[in-house]
């Protein structure tokens, strides 16, 4: 996907270039919000090589702006404030069941680095 259309590519990921299939990725800046469509989907937020947040949204564009404008998650806001290599990857999902399933799957996949405290704790409980 490097050099993809509409400014979407994986070059902003640094060494973490092995996203799950179907994800588009952009550098996490206000200017790039226009590349995130207003559709339901799951998303990953990362810094350099690490995924630090996994989420789902009924409207990806709005959620991108909520995170960027610091209204959604204050812990994430503090981490991203000092990060120059932040990125946002997203994938469209067509059903509510799919949103929940994929979000849980990706939280489990990236459990060692995500800060989704509520969901990470729930994932650890189900693994016990």
C-alpha atoms as a PDB file:
ATOM      1  CA  UNK A   1       0.000   0.000   0.000  1.00  0.00           C
ATOM      2  CA  UNK A   2       3.010   2.302   0.036  1.00  0.00           C
ATOM      3  CA  UNK A   3       2.407   5.271  -2.190  1.00  0.00           C
ATOM      4  CA  UNK A   4      -1.346   4.613  -2.135  1.00  0.00           C
ATOM      5  CA  UNK A   5      -4.070   6.920  -3.305  1.00  0.00           C
ATOM      6  CA  UNK A   6      -5.419   9.954  -1.473  1.00  0.00           C
ATOM      7  CA  UNK A   7      -2.321  10.323   0.706  1.00  0.00           C
ATOM      8  CA  UNK A   8      -2.858   6.951   2.403  1.00  0.00           C
ATOM      9  CA  UNK A   9       0.275   4.899   2.810  1.00  0.00           C
ATOM     10  CA  UNK A  10       2.363   2.927   5.268  1.00  0.00           C
ATOM     11  CA  UNK A  11       5.532   5.007   5.172  1.00  0.00           C
ATOM     12  CA  UNK A  12       4.539   6.721   8.429  1.00  0.00           C
ATOM     13  CA  UNK A  13       4.685   3.455  10.326  1.00  0.00           C
ATOM     14  CA  UNK A  14       8.428   3.212  10.680  1.00  0.00           C
ATOM     15  CA  UNK A  15       9.424  -0.381  11.373  1.00  0.00           C
ATOM     16  CA  UNK A  16       5.827  -1.336  12.207  1.00  0.00           C
ATOM     17  CA  UNK A  17       4.727  -1.972   8.647  1.00  0.00           C
ATOM     18  CA  UNK A  18       2.839  -5.233   9.165  1.00  0.00           C
ATOM     19  CA  UNK A  19      -0.706  -4.013   9.721  1.00  0.00           C
ATOM     20  CA  UNK A  20      -3.533  -6.503   9.461  1.00  0.00           C
ATOM     21  CA  UNK A  21      -4.915  -6.680   5.945  1.00  0.00           C
ATOM     22  CA  UNK A  22      -7.443  -4.137   4.768  1.00  0.00           C
ATOM     23  CA  UNK A  23      -6.102  -1.166   6.757  1.00  0.00           C
ATOM     24  CA  UNK A  24      -5.301   2.246   5.297  1.00  0.00           C
ATOM     25  CA  UNK A  25      -2.823   4.354   7.236  1.00  0.00           C
ATOM     26  CA  UNK A  26      -2.070   8.055   7.528  1.00  0.00           C
ATOM     27  CA  UNK A  27       0.231  10.228   9.590  1.00  0.00           C
ATOM     28  CA  UNK A  28      -1.797  11.479  12.564  1.00  0.00           C
ATOM     29  CA  UNK A  29      -2.181  15.210  11.910  1.00  0.00           C
ATOM     30  CA  UNK A  30      -5.179  17.523  11.700  1.00  0.00           C
ATOM     31  CA  UNK A  31      -4.455  18.152   8.025  1.00  0.00           C
ATOM     32  CA  UNK A  32      -4.851  14.424   7.220  1.00  0.00           C
ATOM     33  CA  UNK A  33      -8.359  14.130   8.727  1.00  0.00           C
ATOM     34  CA  UNK A  34      -9.822  14.655   5.272  1.00  0.00           C
ATOM     35  CA  UNK A  35      -8.496  11.211   4.297  1.00  0.00           C
ATOM     36  CA  UNK A  36     -10.600   9.435   6.916  1.00  0.00           C
ATOM     37  CA  UNK A  37     -14.068   8.608   5.584  1.00  0.00           C
ATOM     38  CA  UNK A  38     -17.306   9.119   7.558  1.00  0.00           C
ATOM     39  CA  UNK A  39     -18.048   5.374   7.704  1.00  0.00           C
ATOM     40  CA  UNK A  40     -18.145   2.749  10.485  1.00  0.00           C
ATOM     41  CA  UNK A  41     -14.907   0.924  11.181  1.00  0.00           C
ATOM     42  CA  UNK A  42     -12.116  -0.124  13.485  1.00  0.00           C
ATOM     43  CA  UNK A  43      -8.932   1.856  13.920  1.00  0.00           C
ATOM     44  CA  UNK A  44      -5.459   1.637  15.381  1.00  0.00           C
ATOM     45  CA  UNK A  45      -3.456   4.585  16.679  1.00  0.00           C
ATOM     46  CA  UNK A  46       0.266   4.129  16.968  1.00  0.00           C
ATOM     47  CA  UNK A  47       3.523   5.844  17.687  1.00  0.00           C
ATOM     48  CA  UNK A  48       6.594   4.701  15.767  1.00  0.00           C
ATOM     49  CA  UNK A  49       6.506   0.878  15.936  1.00  0.00           C
ATOM     50  CA  UNK A  50       3.799   0.419  18.571  1.00  0.00           C
ATOM     51  CA  UNK A  51       0.035   0.250  18.446  1.00  0.00           C
ATOM     52  CA  UNK A  52      -1.101   2.244  21.485  1.00  0.00           C
ATOM     53  CA  UNK A  53      -4.849   2.373  20.962  1.00  0.00           C
ATOM     54  CA  UNK A  54      -7.446   0.168  19.310  1.00  0.00           C
ATOM     55  CA  UNK A  55     -10.966   1.441  18.807  1.00  0.00           C
ATOM     56  CA  UNK A  56     -14.167   1.268  16.856  1.00  0.00           C
ATOM     57  CA  UNK A  57     -16.443   4.013  15.641  1.00  0.00           C
ATOM     58  CA  UNK A  58     -19.750   4.378  13.906  1.00  0.00           C
ATOM     59  CA  UNK A  59     -18.192   7.346  12.110  1.00  0.00           C
ATOM     60  CA  UNK A  60     -14.389   7.108  11.696  1.00  0.00           C
ATOM     61  CA  UNK A  61     -13.912  10.715  10.564  1.00  0.00           C
ATOM     62  CA  UNK A  62     -15.658  12.118  13.633  1.00  0.00           C
ATOM     63  CA  UNK A  63     -13.729   9.808  15.994  1.00  0.00           C
ATOM     64  CA  UNK A  64     -10.420  10.809  14.364  1.00  0.00           C
ATOM     65  CA  UNK A  65     -11.219  14.439  15.121  1.00  0.00           C
ATOM     66  CA  UNK A  66     -12.399  13.643  18.668  1.00  0.00           C
ATOM     67  CA  UNK A  67      -9.072  11.984  19.420  1.00  0.00           C
ATOM     68  CA  UNK A  68      -7.106  14.710  17.677  1.00  0.00           C
ATOM     69  CA  UNK A  69      -9.017  17.493  19.407  1.00  0.00           C
ATOM     70  CA  UNK A  70      -8.393  15.775  22.761  1.00  0.00           C
ATOM     71  CA  UNK A  71     -12.046  15.200  23.622  1.00  0.00           C
ATOM     72  CA  UNK A  72     -12.196  11.425  23.757  1.00  0.00           C
ATOM     73  CA  UNK A  73      -9.312  10.008  25.809  1.00  0.00           C
ATOM     74  CA  UNK A  74      -7.066  12.106  28.027  1.00  0.00           C
ATOM     75  CA  UNK A  75      -4.399   9.404  28.488  1.00  0.00           C
ATOM     76  CA  UNK A  76      -4.103   9.057  24.725  1.00  0.00           C
ATOM     77  CA  UNK A  77      -4.002  12.845  24.369  1.00  0.00           C
ATOM     78  CA  UNK A  78      -1.021  13.061  26.705  1.00  0.00           C
ATOM     79  CA  UNK A  79       0.880  10.352  24.843  1.00  0.00           C
ATOM     80  CA  UNK A  80       0.208  11.855  21.434  1.00  0.00           C
ATOM     81  CA  UNK A  81       1.084  15.392  22.569  1.00  0.00           C
ATOM     82  CA  UNK A  82       4.780  14.558  22.575  1.00  0.00           C
ATOM     83  CA  UNK A  83       4.801  12.136  19.644  1.00  0.00           C
ATOM     84  CA  UNK A  84       6.110  13.254  16.281  1.00  0.00           C
ATOM     85  CA  UNK A  85       5.664   9.854  14.648  1.00  0.00           C
ATOM     86  CA  UNK A  86       2.000   9.138  15.417  1.00  0.00           C
ATOM     87  CA  UNK A  87      -0.158   7.349  12.862  1.00  0.00           C
ATOM     88  CA  UNK A  88      -3.809   6.370  12.406  1.00  0.00           C
ATOM     89  CA  UNK A  89      -4.807   3.203  10.559  1.00  0.00           C
ATOM     90  CA  UNK A  90      -8.407   2.324   9.806  1.00  0.00           C
ATOM     91  CA  UNK A  91     -10.568  -0.295   8.187  1.00  0.00           C
ATOM     92  CA  UNK A  92     -14.205  -0.030   7.192  1.00  0.00           C
ATOM     93  CA  UNK A  93     -16.550  -2.534   8.866  1.00  0.00           C
ATOM     94  CA  UNK A  94     -20.113  -3.067   7.733  1.00  0.00           C
ATOM     95  CA  UNK A  95     -21.851  -4.477  10.819  1.00  0.00           C
ATOM     96  CA  UNK A  96     -22.031  -3.707  14.537  1.00  0.00           C
ATOM     97  CA  UNK A  97     -21.133  -7.321  15.294  1.00  0.00           C
ATOM     98  CA  UNK A  98     -18.078  -6.975  13.059  1.00  0.00           C
ATOM     99  CA  UNK A  99     -17.021  -3.786  14.849  1.00  0.00           C
ATOM    100  CA  UNK A 100     -17.114  -5.473  18.258  1.00  0.00           C
ATOM    101  CA  UNK A 101     -15.417  -8.655  17.066  1.00  0.00           C
ATOM    102  CA  UNK A 102     -12.575  -6.933  15.229  1.00  0.00           C
ATOM    103  CA  UNK A 103     -11.948  -4.442  18.017  1.00  0.00           C
ATOM    104  CA  UNK A 104     -11.610  -7.274  20.565  1.00  0.00           C
ATOM    105  CA  UNK A 105      -9.418  -9.243  18.173  1.00  0.00           C
ATOM    106  CA  UNK A 106      -7.008  -6.344  17.619  1.00  0.00           C
ATOM    107  CA  UNK A 107      -6.909  -5.460  21.320  1.00  0.00           C
ATOM    108  CA  UNK A 108      -5.893  -9.060  22.019  1.00  0.00           C
ATOM    109  CA  UNK A 109      -3.312  -8.950  19.228  1.00  0.00           C
ATOM    110  CA  UNK A 110      -1.694  -5.752  20.518  1.00  0.00           C
ATOM    111  CA  UNK A 111      -2.444  -6.249  24.235  1.00  0.00           C
ATOM    112  CA  UNK A 112       1.128  -5.630  25.368  1.00  0.00           C
ATOM    113  CA  UNK A 113       1.159  -2.052  24.016  1.00  0.00           C
ATOM    114  CA  UNK A 114      -2.427  -0.746  23.992  1.00  0.00           C
ATOM    115  CA  UNK A 115      -3.756   1.707  26.558  1.00  0.00           C
ATOM    116  CA  UNK A 116      -7.423   0.753  26.153  1.00  0.00           C
ATOM    117  CA  UNK A 117      -7.610   0.118  29.890  1.00  0.00           C
ATOM    118  CA  UNK A 118     -11.252  -0.961  30.064  1.00  0.00           C
ATOM    119  CA  UNK A 119     -11.063  -3.315  27.085  1.00  0.00           C
ATOM    120  CA  UNK A 120      -7.589  -4.645  27.901  1.00  0.00           C
ATOM    121  CA  UNK A 121      -8.725  -5.665  31.377  1.00  0.00           C
ATOM    122  CA  UNK A 122     -11.765  -7.415  29.913  1.00  0.00           C
ATOM    123  CA  UNK A 123      -9.543  -9.255  27.396  1.00  0.00           C
ATOM    124  CA  UNK A 124      -7.208 -10.442  30.153  1.00  0.00           C
ATOM    125  CA  UNK A 125     -10.185 -11.739  32.153  1.00  0.00           C
ATOM    126  CA  UNK A 126     -11.459 -13.791  29.229  1.00  0.00           C
ATOM    127  CA  UNK A 127      -8.014 -15.286  28.644  1.00  0.00           C
ATOM    128  CA  UNK A 128      -7.768 -16.534  32.247  1.00  0.00           C
END
